[in-house]
């Protein structure tokens, strides 16, 4: 899986102490996955905290 992180995403991850590895794990096993007009939202609850990963899948 090739993930390109935006500056906004990296900044939010830094502020919240979320690693790239955690993001990748959430994408692989979300509790809930929604799609609206090509934008995906993966939700995972961990230890009473909710992690939401929002992404758009692009073709090469």
PDB file of N, CA and C in Angstrom:
ATOM      1  N   UNK A   1       0.849  -1.168   0.000  1.00  0.00           N
ATOM      2  CA  UNK A   1       0.000   0.000   0.000  1.00  0.00           C
ATOM      3  C   UNK A   1       0.899   1.237   0.000  1.00  0.00           C
ATOM      4  N   UNK A   2       0.695   2.117  -0.965  1.00  0.00           N
ATOM      5  CA  UNK A   2       1.466   3.348  -1.055  1.00  0.00           C
ATOM      6  C   UNK A   2       0.587   4.497  -0.579  1.00  0.00           C
ATOM      7  N   UNK A   3       0.960   5.128   0.520  1.00  0.00           N
ATOM      8  CA  UNK A   3       0.165   6.213   1.088  1.00  0.00           C
ATOM      9  C   UNK A   3       0.937   7.514   0.966  1.00  0.00           C
ATOM     10  N   UNK A   4       0.281   8.534   0.448  1.00  0.00           N
ATOM     11  CA  UNK A   4       0.859   9.871   0.379  1.00  0.00           C
ATOM     12  C   UNK A   4       0.110  10.721   1.395  1.00  0.00           C
ATOM     13  N   UNK A   5       0.824  11.208   2.397  1.00  0.00           N
ATOM     14  CA  UNK A   5       0.219  11.999   3.466  1.00  0.00           C
ATOM     15  C   UNK A   5       0.284  13.481   3.115  1.00  0.00           C
ATOM     16  N   UNK A   6      -0.809  14.199   3.333  1.00  0.00           N
ATOM     17  CA  UNK A   6      -0.800  15.645   3.136  1.00  0.00           C
ATOM     18  C   UNK A   6      -0.118  16.299   4.337  1.00  0.00           C
ATOM     19  N   UNK A   7       0.300  17.541   4.166  1.00  0.00           N
ATOM     20  CA  UNK A   7       0.891  18.283   5.280  1.00  0.00           C
ATOM     21  C   UNK A   7      -0.106  18.367   6.430  1.00  0.00           C
ATOM     22  N   UNK A   8      -1.365  18.624   6.110  1.00  0.00           N
ATOM     23  CA  UNK A   8      -2.424  18.717   7.125  1.00  0.00           C
ATOM     24  C   UNK A   8      -2.521  17.419   7.923  1.00  0.00           C
ATOM     25  N   UNK A   9      -2.507  16.292   7.230  1.00  0.00           N
ATOM     26  CA  UNK A   9      -2.606  14.994   7.904  1.00  0.00           C
ATOM     27  C   UNK A   9      -1.404  14.757   8.813  1.00  0.00           C
ATOM     28  N   UNK A  10      -0.208  15.038   8.320  1.00  0.00           N
ATOM     29  CA  UNK A  10       0.996  14.833   9.126  1.00  0.00           C
ATOM     30  C   UNK A  10       0.997  15.723  10.363  1.00  0.00           C
ATOM     31  N   UNK A  11       0.532  16.952  10.210  1.00  0.00           N
ATOM     32  CA  UNK A  11       0.469  17.878  11.344  1.00  0.00           C
ATOM     33  C   UNK A  11      -0.517  17.382  12.398  1.00  0.00           C
ATOM     34  N   UNK A  12      -1.693  16.947  11.966  1.00  0.00           N
ATOM     35  CA  UNK A  12      -2.689  16.413  12.908  1.00  0.00           C
ATOM     36  C   UNK A  12      -2.171  15.153  13.594  1.00  0.00           C
ATOM     37  N   UNK A  13      -1.517  14.296  12.849  1.00  0.00           N
ATOM     38  CA  UNK A  13      -0.959  13.075  13.432  1.00  0.00           C
ATOM     39  C   UNK A  13       0.084  13.426  14.489  1.00  0.00           C
ATOM     40  N   UNK A  14       0.937  14.403  14.191  1.00  0.00           N
ATOM     41  CA  UNK A  14       1.960  14.825  15.147  1.00  0.00           C
ATOM     42  C   UNK A  14       1.307  15.371  16.416  1.00  0.00           C
ATOM     43  N   UNK A  15       0.296  16.224  16.258  1.00  0.00           N
ATOM     44  CA  UNK A  15      -0.395  16.818  17.406  1.00  0.00           C
ATOM     45  C   UNK A  15      -1.033  15.759  18.296  1.00  0.00           C
ATOM     46  N   UNK A  16      -1.501  14.695  17.689  1.00  0.00           N
ATOM     47  CA  UNK A  16      -2.258  13.672  18.413  1.00  0.00           C
ATOM     48  C   UNK A  16      -1.443  12.434  18.756  1.00  0.00           C
ATOM     49  N   UNK A  17      -0.170  12.428  18.380  1.00  0.00           N
ATOM     50  CA  UNK A  17       0.691  11.294  18.699  1.00  0.00           C
ATOM     51  C   UNK A  17       0.314  10.025  17.956  1.00  0.00           C
ATOM     52  N   UNK A  18      -0.106  10.179  16.700  1.00  0.00           N
ATOM     53  CA  UNK A  18      -0.525   9.035  15.887  1.00  0.00           C
ATOM     54  C   UNK A  18       0.564   8.739  14.857  1.00  0.00           C
ATOM     55  N   UNK A  19       1.014   7.501  14.818  1.00  0.00           N
ATOM     56  CA  UNK A  19       2.077   7.108  13.891  1.00  0.00           C
ATOM     57  C   UNK A  19       1.500   6.676  12.542  1.00  0.00           C
ATOM     58  N   UNK A  20       2.369   6.638  11.542  1.00  0.00           N
ATOM     59  CA  UNK A  20       1.958   6.144  10.226  1.00  0.00           C
ATOM     60  C   UNK A  20       1.548   4.676  10.312  1.00  0.00           C
ATOM     61  N   UNK A  21       2.225   3.925  11.162  1.00  0.00           N
ATOM     62  CA  UNK A  21       1.891   2.509  11.334  1.00  0.00           C
ATOM     63  C   UNK A  21       0.467   2.346  11.859  1.00  0.00           C
ATOM     64  N   UNK A  22       0.079   3.206  12.805  1.00  0.00           N
ATOM     65  CA  UNK A  22      -1.277   3.150  13.355  1.00  0.00           C
ATOM     66  C   UNK A  22      -2.307   3.465  12.268  1.00  0.00           C
ATOM     67  N   UNK A  23      -2.016   4.450  11.438  1.00  0.00           N
ATOM     68  CA  UNK A  23      -2.923   4.801  10.338  1.00  0.00           C
ATOM     69  C   UNK A  23      -3.092   3.600   9.407  1.00  0.00           C
ATOM     70  N   UNK A  24      -1.999   2.962   9.036  1.00  0.00           N
ATOM     71  CA  UNK A  24      -2.071   1.818   8.128  1.00  0.00           C
ATOM     72  C   UNK A  24      -2.861   0.662   8.735  1.00  0.00           C
ATOM     73  N   UNK A  25      -2.683   0.416  10.024  1.00  0.00           N
ATOM     74  CA  UNK A  25      -3.449  -0.642  10.690  1.00  0.00           C
ATOM     75  C   UNK A  25      -4.942  -0.322  10.688  1.00  0.00           C
ATOM     76  N   UNK A  26      -5.296   0.934  10.889  1.00  0.00           N
ATOM     77  CA  UNK A  26      -6.707   1.331  10.904  1.00  0.00           C
ATOM     78  C   UNK A  26      -7.332   1.182   9.526  1.00  0.00           C
ATOM     79  N   UNK A  27      -6.560   1.440   8.498  1.00  0.00           N
ATOM     80  CA  UNK A  27      -7.077   1.268   7.141  1.00  0.00           C
ATOM     81  C   UNK A  27      -7.336  -0.205   6.834  1.00  0.00           C
ATOM     82  N   UNK A  28      -6.547  -1.088   7.421  1.00  0.00           N
ATOM     83  CA  UNK A  28      -6.688  -2.520   7.164  1.00  0.00           C
ATOM     84  C   UNK A  28      -7.818  -3.157   7.955  1.00  0.00           C
ATOM     85  N   UNK A  29      -8.142  -2.608   9.135  1.00  0.00           N
ATOM     86  CA  UNK A  29      -9.169  -3.245   9.972  1.00  0.00           C
ATOM     87  C   UNK A  29     -10.069  -2.227  10.674  1.00  0.00           C
ATOM     88  N   UNK A  30     -10.808  -1.429   9.910  1.00  0.00           N
ATOM     89  CA  UNK A  30     -11.687  -0.443  10.548  1.00  0.00           C
ATOM     90  C   UNK A  30     -12.928  -1.105  11.146  1.00  0.00           C
ATOM     91  N   UNK A  31     -13.512  -0.452  12.156  1.00  0.00           N
ATOM     92  CA  UNK A  31     -14.807  -0.895  12.680  1.00  0.00           C
ATOM     93  C   UNK A  31     -15.908  -0.517  11.695  1.00  0.00           C
ATOM     94  N   UNK A  32     -15.684   0.590  10.997  1.00  0.00           N
ATOM     95  CA  UNK A  32     -16.690   1.117  10.076  1.00  0.00           C
ATOM     96  C   UNK A  32     -15.964   1.812   8.928  1.00  0.00           C
ATOM     97  N   UNK A  33     -16.473   1.631   7.707  1.00  0.00           N
ATOM     98  CA  UNK A  33     -15.891   2.285   6.530  1.00  0.00           C
ATOM     99  C   UNK A  33     -17.024   2.875   5.718  1.00  0.00           C
ATOM    100  N   UNK A  34     -16.931   4.173   5.438  1.00  0.00           N
ATOM    101  CA  UNK A  34     -17.959   4.867   4.664  1.00  0.00           C
ATOM    102  C   UNK A  34     -17.311   5.474   3.424  1.00  0.00           C
ATOM    103  N   UNK A  35     -18.114   5.645   2.377  1.00  0.00           N
ATOM    104  CA  UNK A  35     -17.618   6.271   1.150  1.00  0.00           C
ATOM    105  C   UNK A  35     -18.650   7.264   0.658  1.00  0.00           C
ATOM    106  N   UNK A  36     -18.191   8.461   0.301  1.00  0.00           N
ATOM    107  CA  UNK A  36     -19.063   9.481  -0.262  1.00  0.00           C
ATOM    108  C   UNK A  36     -18.290  10.209  -1.350  1.00  0.00           C
ATOM    109  N   UNK A  37     -18.725  10.046  -2.574  1.00  0.00           N
ATOM    110  CA  UNK A  37     -18.131  10.718  -3.730  1.00  0.00           C
ATOM    111  C   UNK A  37     -16.615  10.517  -3.814  1.00  0.00           C
ATOM    112  N   UNK A  38     -16.172   9.280  -3.616  1.00  0.00           N
ATOM    113  CA  UNK A  38     -14.761   8.957  -3.767  1.00  0.00           C
ATOM    114  C   UNK A  38     -13.888   9.249  -2.559  1.00  0.00           C
ATOM    115  N   UNK A  39     -14.479   9.756  -1.480  1.00  0.00           N
ATOM    116  CA  UNK A  39     -13.732  10.010  -0.245  1.00  0.00           C
ATOM    117  C   UNK A  39     -14.149   8.960   0.776  1.00  0.00           C
ATOM    118  N   UNK A  40     -13.163   8.268   1.334  1.00  0.00           N
ATOM    119  CA  UNK A  40     -13.424   7.188   2.284  1.00  0.00           C
ATOM    120  C   UNK A  40     -13.111   7.647   3.701  1.00  0.00           C
ATOM    121  N   UNK A  41     -13.859   7.102   4.650  1.00  0.00           N
ATOM    122  CA  UNK A  41     -13.682   7.426   6.066  1.00  0.00           C
ATOM    123  C   UNK A  41     -13.678   6.109   6.837  1.00  0.00           C
ATOM    124  N   UNK A  42     -12.542   5.788   7.450  1.00  0.00           N
ATOM    125  CA  UNK A  42     -12.415   4.576   8.263  1.00  0.00           C
ATOM    126  C   UNK A  42     -12.405   4.969   9.732  1.00  0.00           C
ATOM    127  N   UNK A  43     -13.227   4.295  10.524  1.00  0.00           N
ATOM    128  CA  UNK A  43     -13.361   4.607  11.943  1.00  0.00           C
ATOM    129  C   UNK A  43     -12.976   3.378  12.761  1.00  0.00           C
ATOM    130  N   UNK A  44     -12.160   3.587  13.789  1.00  0.00           N
ATOM    131  CA  UNK A  44     -11.746   2.500  14.678  1.00  0.00           C
ATOM    132  C   UNK A  44     -11.706   3.031  16.104  1.00  0.00           C
ATOM    133  N   UNK A  45     -12.343   2.312  17.023  1.00  0.00           N
ATOM    134  CA  UNK A  45     -12.330   2.689  18.435  1.00  0.00           C
ATOM    135  C   UNK A  45     -11.265   1.864  19.146  1.00  0.00           C
ATOM    136  N   UNK A  46     -10.388   2.570  19.871  1.00  0.00           N
ATOM    137  CA  UNK A  46      -9.308   1.925  20.604  1.00  0.00           C
ATOM    138  C   UNK A  46      -9.225   2.547  21.994  1.00  0.00           C
ATOM    139  N   UNK A  47      -9.410   1.733  23.028  1.00  0.00           N
ATOM    140  CA  UNK A  47      -9.297   2.217  24.410  1.00  0.00           C
ATOM    141  C   UNK A  47     -10.106   3.492  24.655  1.00  0.00           C
ATOM    142  N   UNK A  48     -11.377   3.479  24.300  1.00  0.00           N
ATOM    143  CA  UNK A  48     -12.290   4.614  24.483  1.00  0.00           C
ATOM    144  C   UNK A  48     -11.915   5.849  23.675  1.00  0.00           C
ATOM    145  N   UNK A  49     -11.036   5.726  22.695  1.00  0.00           N
ATOM    146  CA  UNK A  49     -10.712   6.824  21.785  1.00  0.00           C
ATOM    147  C   UNK A  49     -11.076   6.388  20.379  1.00  0.00           C
ATOM    148  N   UNK A  50     -11.562   7.327  19.604  1.00  0.00           N
ATOM    149  CA  UNK A  50     -11.954   7.029  18.227  1.00  0.00           C
ATOM    150  C   UNK A  50     -10.906   7.613  17.279  1.00  0.00           C
ATOM    151  N   UNK A  51     -10.382   6.767  16.410  1.00  0.00           N
ATOM    152  CA  UNK A  51      -9.429   7.199  15.388  1.00  0.00           C
ATOM    153  C   UNK A  51     -10.159   7.174  14.053  1.00  0.00           C
ATOM    154  N   UNK A  52     -10.140   8.313  13.353  1.00  0.00           N
ATOM    155  CA  UNK A  52     -10.796   8.423  12.053  1.00  0.00           C
ATOM    156  C   UNK A  52      -9.725   8.720  11.004  1.00  0.00           C
ATOM    157  N   UNK A  53      -9.684   7.906   9.963  1.00  0.00           N
ATOM    158  CA  UNK A  53      -8.755   8.113   8.854  1.00  0.00           C
ATOM    159  C   UNK A  53      -9.593   8.430   7.623  1.00  0.00           C
ATOM    160  N   UNK A  54      -9.321   9.578   7.008  1.00  0.00           N
ATOM    161  CA  UNK A  54     -10.045   9.997   5.808  1.00  0.00           C
ATOM    162  C   UNK A  54      -9.058   9.963   4.646  1.00  0.00           C
ATOM    163  N   UNK A  55      -9.481   9.351   3.533  1.00  0.00           N
ATOM    164  CA  UNK A  55      -8.568   9.254   2.399  1.00  0.00           C
ATOM    165  C   UNK A  55      -9.319   9.178   1.079  1.00  0.00           C
ATOM    166  N   UNK A  56      -8.559   9.416   0.017  1.00  0.00           N
ATOM    167  CA  UNK A  56      -9.070   9.260  -1.344  1.00  0.00           C
ATOM    168  C   UNK A  56      -8.125   8.301  -2.044  1.00  0.00           C
ATOM    169  N   UNK A  57      -8.682   7.329  -2.723  1.00  0.00           N
ATOM    170  CA  UNK A  57      -7.880   6.338  -3.428  1.00  0.00           C
ATOM    171  C   UNK A  57      -7.684   6.818  -4.859  1.00  0.00           C
ATOM    172  N   UNK A  58      -6.430   6.852  -5.304  1.00  0.00           N
ATOM    173  CA  UNK A  58      -6.122   7.313  -6.651  1.00  0.00           C
ATOM    174  C   UNK A  58      -5.486   6.192  -7.449  1.00  0.00           C
ATOM    175  N   UNK A  59      -5.711   6.207  -8.745  1.00  0.00           N
ATOM    176  CA  UNK A  59      -5.084   5.220  -9.617  1.00  0.00           C
ATOM    177  C   UNK A  59      -3.743   5.760 -10.076  1.00  0.00           C
ATOM    178  N   UNK A  60      -2.860   4.855 -10.443  1.00  0.00           N
ATOM    179  CA  UNK A  60      -1.514   5.267 -10.873  1.00  0.00           C
ATOM    180  C   UNK A  60      -1.485   5.650 -12.313  1.00  0.00           C
TER     181      UNK A  60
END
